């Protein structure tokens, strides 16, 4: 594979990863915390309604998990396309 094709494939995979992370983040923070809060409030975690929990804390926990997943996935992509740091 030529360098030009390799760099295009690398950026295509990178953009796809970022897009997927943003979709998950949006679904959890906006969807679970705002749009579906009423339906989720029938379930309780620690005495608090699940919709409230997602709006206040759950989305932050998911965001932190996404940061770690993104770092790991980008490391694998960098190694796959041989652009990793030594």
N, C-alpha and C. Protein backbone atom coordinates (compact mmCIF):
# COMPACT_ATOMS: atom_id res chain seq x y z
N UNK A 1 0.85 -1.17 0.00
CA UNK A 1 0.00 0.00 0.00
C UNK A 1 0.89 1.23 0.00
N UNK A 2 0.55 2.20 -0.80
CA UNK A 2 1.36 3.41 -0.88
C UNK A 2 1.15 4.27 0.36
N UNK A 3 2.07 5.20 0.56
CA UNK A 3 2.01 6.07 1.73
C UNK A 3 0.77 6.94 1.70
N UNK A 4 0.38 7.42 0.52
CA UNK A 4 -0.80 8.26 0.40
C UNK A 4 -2.06 7.48 0.78
N UNK A 5 -2.18 6.26 0.27
CA UNK A 5 -3.34 5.44 0.61
C UNK A 5 -3.34 5.07 2.08
N UNK A 6 -2.17 4.82 2.63
CA UNK A 6 -2.05 4.47 4.03
C UNK A 6 -2.47 5.62 4.93
N UNK A 7 -2.04 6.83 4.58
CA UNK A 7 -2.42 7.99 5.40
C UNK A 7 -3.92 8.28 5.28
N UNK A 8 -4.50 8.08 4.11
CA UNK A 8 -5.94 8.27 3.95
C UNK A 8 -6.71 7.25 4.78
N UNK A 9 -6.25 6.00 4.77
CA UNK A 9 -6.91 4.96 5.55
C UNK A 9 -6.78 5.24 7.05
N UNK A 10 -5.61 5.72 7.46
CA UNK A 10 -5.39 6.05 8.86
C UNK A 10 -6.35 7.14 9.32
N UNK A 11 -6.48 8.20 8.53
CA UNK A 11 -7.37 9.29 8.92
C UNK A 11 -8.83 8.89 8.82
N UNK A 12 -9.16 8.02 7.88
CA UNK A 12 -10.53 7.51 7.80
C UNK A 12 -10.88 6.73 9.05
N UNK A 13 -9.98 5.86 9.51
CA UNK A 13 -10.21 5.10 10.73
C UNK A 13 -10.23 6.00 11.96
N UNK A 14 -9.38 7.01 11.98
CA UNK A 14 -9.35 7.94 13.11
C UNK A 14 -10.65 8.73 13.21
N UNK A 15 -11.12 9.24 12.10
CA UNK A 15 -12.37 10.00 12.08
C UNK A 15 -13.55 9.10 12.46
N UNK A 16 -13.54 7.85 12.00
CA UNK A 16 -14.61 6.92 12.35
C UNK A 16 -14.62 6.66 13.86
N UNK A 17 -13.45 6.51 14.46
CA UNK A 17 -13.37 6.30 15.90
C UNK A 17 -13.89 7.51 16.66
N UNK A 18 -13.48 8.70 16.26
CA UNK A 18 -13.93 9.92 16.93
C UNK A 18 -15.45 10.08 16.77
N UNK A 19 -15.95 9.82 15.57
CA UNK A 19 -17.39 9.91 15.32
C UNK A 19 -18.17 8.96 16.24
N UNK A 20 -17.69 7.73 16.35
CA UNK A 20 -18.38 6.75 17.19
C UNK A 20 -18.33 7.14 18.67
N UNK A 21 -17.21 7.68 19.11
CA UNK A 21 -17.11 8.12 20.50
C UNK A 21 -18.08 9.28 20.77
N UNK A 22 -18.19 10.21 19.84
CA UNK A 22 -19.11 11.33 20.01
C UNK A 22 -20.57 10.90 19.99
N UNK A 23 -20.89 9.90 19.18
CA UNK A 23 -22.26 9.38 19.15
C UNK A 23 -22.61 8.75 20.49
N UNK A 24 -21.71 7.95 21.03
CA UNK A 24 -21.96 7.33 22.33
C UNK A 24 -22.08 8.39 23.42
N UNK A 25 -21.18 9.35 23.40
CA UNK A 25 -21.21 10.42 24.40
C UNK A 25 -22.52 11.19 24.32
N UNK A 26 -22.95 11.53 23.11
CA UNK A 26 -24.21 12.26 22.93
C UNK A 26 -25.39 11.44 23.40
N UNK A 27 -25.42 10.15 23.03
CA UNK A 27 -26.54 9.28 23.41
C UNK A 27 -26.65 9.16 24.93
N UNK A 28 -25.52 9.06 25.60
CA UNK A 28 -25.56 8.92 27.06
C UNK A 28 -25.89 10.25 27.73
N UNK A 29 -25.20 11.31 27.35
CA UNK A 29 -25.40 12.58 28.06
C UNK A 29 -26.73 13.24 27.71
N UNK A 30 -27.06 13.32 26.45
CA UNK A 30 -28.29 13.99 26.06
C UNK A 30 -29.48 13.03 26.07
N UNK A 31 -29.25 11.84 25.52
CA UNK A 31 -30.35 10.87 25.44
C UNK A 31 -30.79 10.36 26.79
N UNK A 32 -29.86 9.75 27.55
CA UNK A 32 -30.21 9.17 28.84
C UNK A 32 -30.46 10.24 29.89
N UNK A 33 -29.74 11.34 29.82
CA UNK A 33 -29.88 12.38 30.84
C UNK A 33 -31.04 13.32 30.63
N UNK A 34 -31.51 13.47 29.37
CA UNK A 34 -32.56 14.45 29.09
C UNK A 34 -33.76 13.81 28.39
N UNK A 35 -33.54 13.23 27.22
CA UNK A 35 -34.66 12.72 26.42
C UNK A 35 -35.39 11.55 27.07
N UNK A 36 -34.63 10.59 27.60
CA UNK A 36 -35.24 9.39 28.16
C UNK A 36 -35.24 9.40 29.69
N UNK A 37 -35.04 10.56 30.28
CA UNK A 37 -34.98 10.65 31.74
C UNK A 37 -36.29 10.20 32.38
N UNK A 38 -37.39 10.57 31.80
CA UNK A 38 -38.68 10.18 32.36
C UNK A 38 -38.87 8.68 32.41
N UNK A 39 -38.50 8.01 31.34
CA UNK A 39 -38.63 6.55 31.31
C UNK A 39 -37.62 5.87 32.24
N UNK A 40 -36.42 6.46 32.36
CA UNK A 40 -35.39 5.87 33.21
C UNK A 40 -35.63 6.13 34.69
N UNK A 41 -36.46 7.11 35.01
CA UNK A 41 -36.70 7.45 36.42
C UNK A 41 -37.46 6.38 37.18
N UNK A 42 -38.02 5.40 36.48
CA UNK A 42 -38.71 4.31 37.18
C UNK A 42 -37.72 3.34 37.82
N UNK A 43 -36.44 3.44 37.44
CA UNK A 43 -35.37 2.61 38.00
C UNK A 43 -34.54 3.48 38.93
N UNK A 44 -34.16 2.92 40.08
CA UNK A 44 -33.37 3.69 41.05
C UNK A 44 -31.98 3.09 41.23
N UNK A 45 -31.00 3.97 41.41
CA UNK A 45 -29.62 3.58 41.75
C UNK A 45 -29.24 4.38 42.98
N UNK A 46 -28.96 3.69 44.07
CA UNK A 46 -28.58 4.37 45.30
C UNK A 46 -29.66 5.29 45.84
N UNK A 47 -30.93 4.97 45.56
CA UNK A 47 -32.03 5.80 46.05
C UNK A 47 -32.39 6.96 45.14
N UNK A 48 -31.65 7.13 44.05
CA UNK A 48 -31.94 8.23 43.11
C UNK A 48 -32.47 7.67 41.80
N UNK A 49 -33.38 8.38 41.16
CA UNK A 49 -33.88 7.93 39.86
C UNK A 49 -32.75 7.83 38.83
N UNK A 50 -32.81 6.81 37.98
CA UNK A 50 -31.73 6.56 37.01
C UNK A 50 -31.55 7.73 36.04
N UNK A 51 -32.62 8.38 35.62
CA UNK A 51 -32.50 9.54 34.73
C UNK A 51 -31.72 10.67 35.38
N UNK A 52 -32.01 10.93 36.65
CA UNK A 52 -31.27 11.94 37.41
C UNK A 52 -29.81 11.54 37.56
N UNK A 53 -29.58 10.25 37.85
CA UNK A 53 -28.22 9.76 38.03
C UNK A 53 -27.40 9.96 36.76
N UNK A 54 -27.98 9.62 35.59
CA UNK A 54 -27.26 9.81 34.32
C UNK A 54 -26.98 11.29 34.08
N UNK A 55 -27.94 12.14 34.38
CA UNK A 55 -27.75 13.58 34.14
C UNK A 55 -26.67 14.15 35.05
N UNK A 56 -26.55 13.65 36.27
CA UNK A 56 -25.61 14.22 37.23
C UNK A 56 -24.26 13.52 37.25
N UNK A 57 -24.23 12.20 37.17
CA UNK A 57 -22.97 11.48 37.35
C UNK A 57 -22.68 10.45 36.27
N UNK A 58 -23.70 9.78 35.80
CA UNK A 58 -23.50 8.68 34.86
C UNK A 58 -22.81 9.10 33.58
N UNK A 59 -23.20 10.24 33.05
CA UNK A 59 -22.58 10.69 31.80
C UNK A 59 -21.11 11.03 32.00
N UNK A 60 -20.75 11.50 33.20
CA UNK A 60 -19.35 11.79 33.48
C UNK A 60 -18.54 10.50 33.53
N UNK A 61 -19.09 9.47 34.19
CA UNK A 61 -18.41 8.17 34.25
C UNK A 61 -18.23 7.57 32.86
N UNK A 62 -19.26 7.66 32.05
CA UNK A 62 -19.17 7.14 30.68
C UNK A 62 -18.13 7.94 29.89
N UNK A 63 -18.10 9.25 30.07
CA UNK A 63 -17.13 10.09 29.38
C UNK A 63 -15.70 9.70 29.76
N UNK A 64 -15.45 9.45 31.03
CA UNK A 64 -14.12 9.03 31.47
C UNK A 64 -13.76 7.68 30.87
N UNK A 65 -14.72 6.75 30.84
CA UNK A 65 -14.48 5.44 30.23
C UNK A 65 -14.17 5.60 28.74
N UNK A 66 -14.87 6.52 28.07
CA UNK A 66 -14.61 6.77 26.65
C UNK A 66 -13.21 7.32 26.42
N UNK A 67 -12.72 8.14 27.33
CA UNK A 67 -11.36 8.68 27.20
C UNK A 67 -10.34 7.55 27.22
N UNK A 68 -10.50 6.63 28.18
CA UNK A 68 -9.56 5.51 28.27
C UNK A 68 -9.67 4.59 27.06
N UNK A 69 -10.91 4.34 26.61
CA UNK A 69 -11.10 3.50 25.43
C UNK A 69 -10.48 4.16 24.19
N UNK A 70 -10.69 5.46 24.04
CA UNK A 70 -10.16 6.19 22.90
C UNK A 70 -8.63 6.12 22.88
N UNK A 71 -8.01 6.31 24.04
CA UNK A 71 -6.54 6.26 24.11
C UNK A 71 -6.03 4.89 23.71
N UNK A 72 -6.69 3.85 24.18
CA UNK A 72 -6.28 2.49 23.83
C UNK A 72 -6.49 2.20 22.34
N UNK A 73 -7.66 2.59 21.83
CA UNK A 73 -7.98 2.35 20.42
C UNK A 73 -7.05 3.13 19.50
N UNK A 74 -6.72 4.38 19.85
CA UNK A 74 -5.80 5.16 19.03
C UNK A 74 -4.40 4.57 19.06
N UNK A 75 -3.99 4.03 20.20
CA UNK A 75 -2.70 3.35 20.27
C UNK A 75 -2.64 2.17 19.32
N UNK A 76 -3.73 1.41 19.27
CA UNK A 76 -3.78 0.27 18.34
C UNK A 76 -3.78 0.74 16.89
N UNK A 77 -4.52 1.81 16.61
CA UNK A 77 -4.52 2.35 15.23
C UNK A 77 -3.14 2.85 14.84
N UNK A 78 -2.48 3.53 15.76
CA UNK A 78 -1.13 4.04 15.48
C UNK A 78 -0.17 2.89 15.18
N UNK A 79 -0.28 1.81 15.93
CA UNK A 79 0.59 0.66 15.67
C UNK A 79 0.24 -0.01 14.34
N UNK A 80 -1.06 -0.10 14.05
CA UNK A 80 -1.52 -0.72 12.81
C UNK A 80 -0.94 0.01 11.59
N UNK A 81 -0.92 1.34 11.64
CA UNK A 81 -0.42 2.13 10.52
C UNK A 81 1.01 2.59 10.70
N UNK A 82 1.67 2.08 11.72
CA UNK A 82 3.09 2.34 11.99
C UNK A 82 3.39 3.83 12.12
N UNK A 83 2.57 4.51 12.91
CA UNK A 83 2.82 5.91 13.21
C UNK A 83 2.93 6.12 14.73
N UNK A 84 3.16 5.03 15.46
CA UNK A 84 3.23 5.10 16.91
C UNK A 84 4.56 5.66 17.37
N UNK A 85 4.54 6.13 18.62
CA UNK A 85 5.76 6.67 19.22
C UNK A 85 6.54 5.52 19.85
N UNK A 86 7.84 5.61 19.81
CA UNK A 86 8.66 4.55 20.41
C UNK A 86 8.99 4.86 21.83
